[in-house]
Every structure is written in structure tokens, then in C-alpha cells.
Protein backbone atom coordinates (compact mmCIF):
# COMPACT_ATOMS: atom_id res chain seq x y z
CA MET A 1 -5.40 18.52 4.40
CA LEU A 2 -4.59 16.54 1.26
CA ASP A 3 -2.09 19.28 0.40
CA GLN A 4 -0.33 18.52 3.67
CA VAL A 5 -0.19 14.83 2.76
CA ILE A 6 1.32 15.68 -0.62
CA ALA A 7 3.87 17.96 1.05
CA ALA A 8 4.77 15.21 3.53
CA PHE A 9 5.36 12.78 0.65
CA ASP A 10 7.52 15.37 -1.11
CA ARG A 11 9.62 15.68 2.06
CA LYS A 12 9.63 11.88 2.46
CA ASP A 13 8.06 12.40 5.88
CA TYR A 14 6.00 9.24 5.77
CA ARG A 15 5.18 9.27 9.47
CA THR A 16 3.37 12.60 9.11
CA ALA A 17 1.73 11.42 5.89
CA ALA A 18 0.43 8.31 7.68
CA ARG A 19 -0.99 10.37 10.53
CA LEU A 20 -2.72 12.78 8.16
CA LEU A 21 -4.06 9.95 6.00
CA LYS A 22 -5.50 8.26 9.06
CA GLU A 23 -7.49 11.42 9.78
CA LEU A 24 -8.56 11.77 6.14
CA LEU A 25 -9.73 8.17 6.01
CA GLN A 26 -12.12 8.92 8.86
CA THR A 27 -13.56 12.02 7.18
CA SER A 28 -13.31 11.08 3.48
CA PRO A 29 -12.85 7.31 3.13
CA LYS A 30 -14.18 7.20 -0.45
CA ASP A 31 -12.09 10.10 -1.79
CA PRO A 32 -10.01 8.60 -4.63
CA TRP A 33 -7.04 10.88 -3.93
CA VAL A 34 -6.99 9.75 -0.31
CA GLN A 35 -7.06 6.15 -1.52
CA PHE A 36 -4.22 6.86 -3.95
CA TYR A 37 -2.01 8.22 -1.18
CA VAL A 38 -2.89 5.26 1.03
CA GLY A 39 -1.58 3.09 -1.82
CA ARG A 40 1.56 5.23 -2.06
CA LEU A 41 2.12 4.87 1.68
CA HIS A 42 1.84 1.09 1.37
CA GLU A 43 4.25 1.23 -1.56
CA VAL A 44 6.96 3.18 0.27
CA SER A 45 6.44 1.04 3.38
CA GLY A 46 7.34 -2.10 1.45
CA LYS A 47 3.78 -3.45 1.42
CA GLY A 48 3.61 -3.95 -2.32
CA ASP A 49 0.70 -6.38 -2.23
CA LEU A 50 -1.52 -3.92 -0.37
CA ALA A 51 -0.42 -1.06 -2.63
CA GLU A 52 -1.21 -3.08 -5.73
CA LYS A 53 -4.65 -3.96 -4.38
CA VAL A 54 -5.43 -0.27 -3.72
CA TYR A 55 -4.10 0.82 -7.11
CA ARG A 56 -6.05 -1.81 -9.04
CA GLN A 57 -9.27 -0.93 -7.21
CA LEU A 58 -8.70 2.74 -8.01
CA LEU A 59 -8.20 2.03 -11.71
CA ARG A 60 -11.56 0.28 -11.81
CA GLU A 61 -13.35 3.26 -10.24
CA VAL A 62 -11.45 6.40 -11.21
CA THR A 63 -12.53 8.80 -13.96
CA ASN A 64 -9.91 11.50 -13.36
CA PRO A 65 -7.19 11.12 -16.04
CA LYS A 66 -4.44 12.59 -13.84
CA LEU A 67 -5.25 10.20 -11.00
CA ALA A 68 -5.45 7.25 -13.39
CA ALA A 69 -2.03 8.11 -14.84
CA GLN A 70 -0.43 8.39 -11.39
CA THR A 71 -2.05 5.12 -10.34
CA ARG A 72 -0.64 3.36 -13.42
CA GLN A 73 2.79 4.78 -12.59
CA GLY A 74 2.47 3.29 -9.12
CA LEU A 75 1.72 -0.12 -10.61
CA GLN A 76 4.71 0.25 -12.94
CA ARG A 77 6.98 1.05 -9.98
CA LEU A 78 5.71 -2.03 -8.16
CA ASN A 79 6.35 -4.21 -11.22
CA ALA A 80 9.86 -2.79 -11.61
CA MET A 81 10.65 -3.52 -7.96
CA ALA A 82 9.36 -7.08 -8.32
CA GLN A 83 11.50 -7.65 -11.42
CA GLU A 84 14.55 -6.27 -9.63
CA ARG A 85 13.96 -8.63 -6.68
CA ARG A 86 13.71 -11.58 -9.11
CA LYS A 87 16.98 -10.58 -10.81
CA GLN A 88 18.71 -10.35 -7.45
CA ALA A 89 17.35 -13.74 -6.41
CA ILE A 90 18.60 -15.31 -9.63
CA ALA A 91 22.01 -13.68 -9.22
CA GLN A 92 22.30 -15.06 -5.69
CA ALA A 93 21.29 -18.56 -6.75
């Protein structure tokens, strides 16, 4: 089912991804990949604080190098978005 979540993200079908993740959270709540995609869903939904919390927790627990790298990329995207918002706020002021 995780493959379906990944495919939904690739299609930018976040509604389907959310539905599938909800099911996965019931069956595999501790799966780090499920947690990663929960963080991604928060990220694309504009819930940066929740995404950052999930990502940081994952980095403390994860041993898979691929997952760790993707989690760090998520944090970098969140930081870039925050910097862009600050630049826009300064430009408007």
C-alpha cells in the first residue's frame, strides 16, 4: 500500500495519499516510511510546523540512509519556504 501512497504523491493526488496514509497509520503506525509520508502530507498541506516535528522525530530514530536523506531534504524545503516568506514580508514592509 505504501507504493500506492508514493504513486499518489507522484501524481500530486494528495487526497488519495491522505486516505491511504490514514489506513496505513492504523495498521503500521510505527513504520518510518509511513511517518515520512505523513510529514510530506503535512508539508504539501501548508502545515510546516507539523511536518517539521515529524521530520525531526524521524531523524532521531531512523537508521535507513535513504530515509534519512529524504527527511533532511524535507527539512531543507521547509527552511527554504520559511526564508521565502520572510523575504516577501520584508519586501511588503
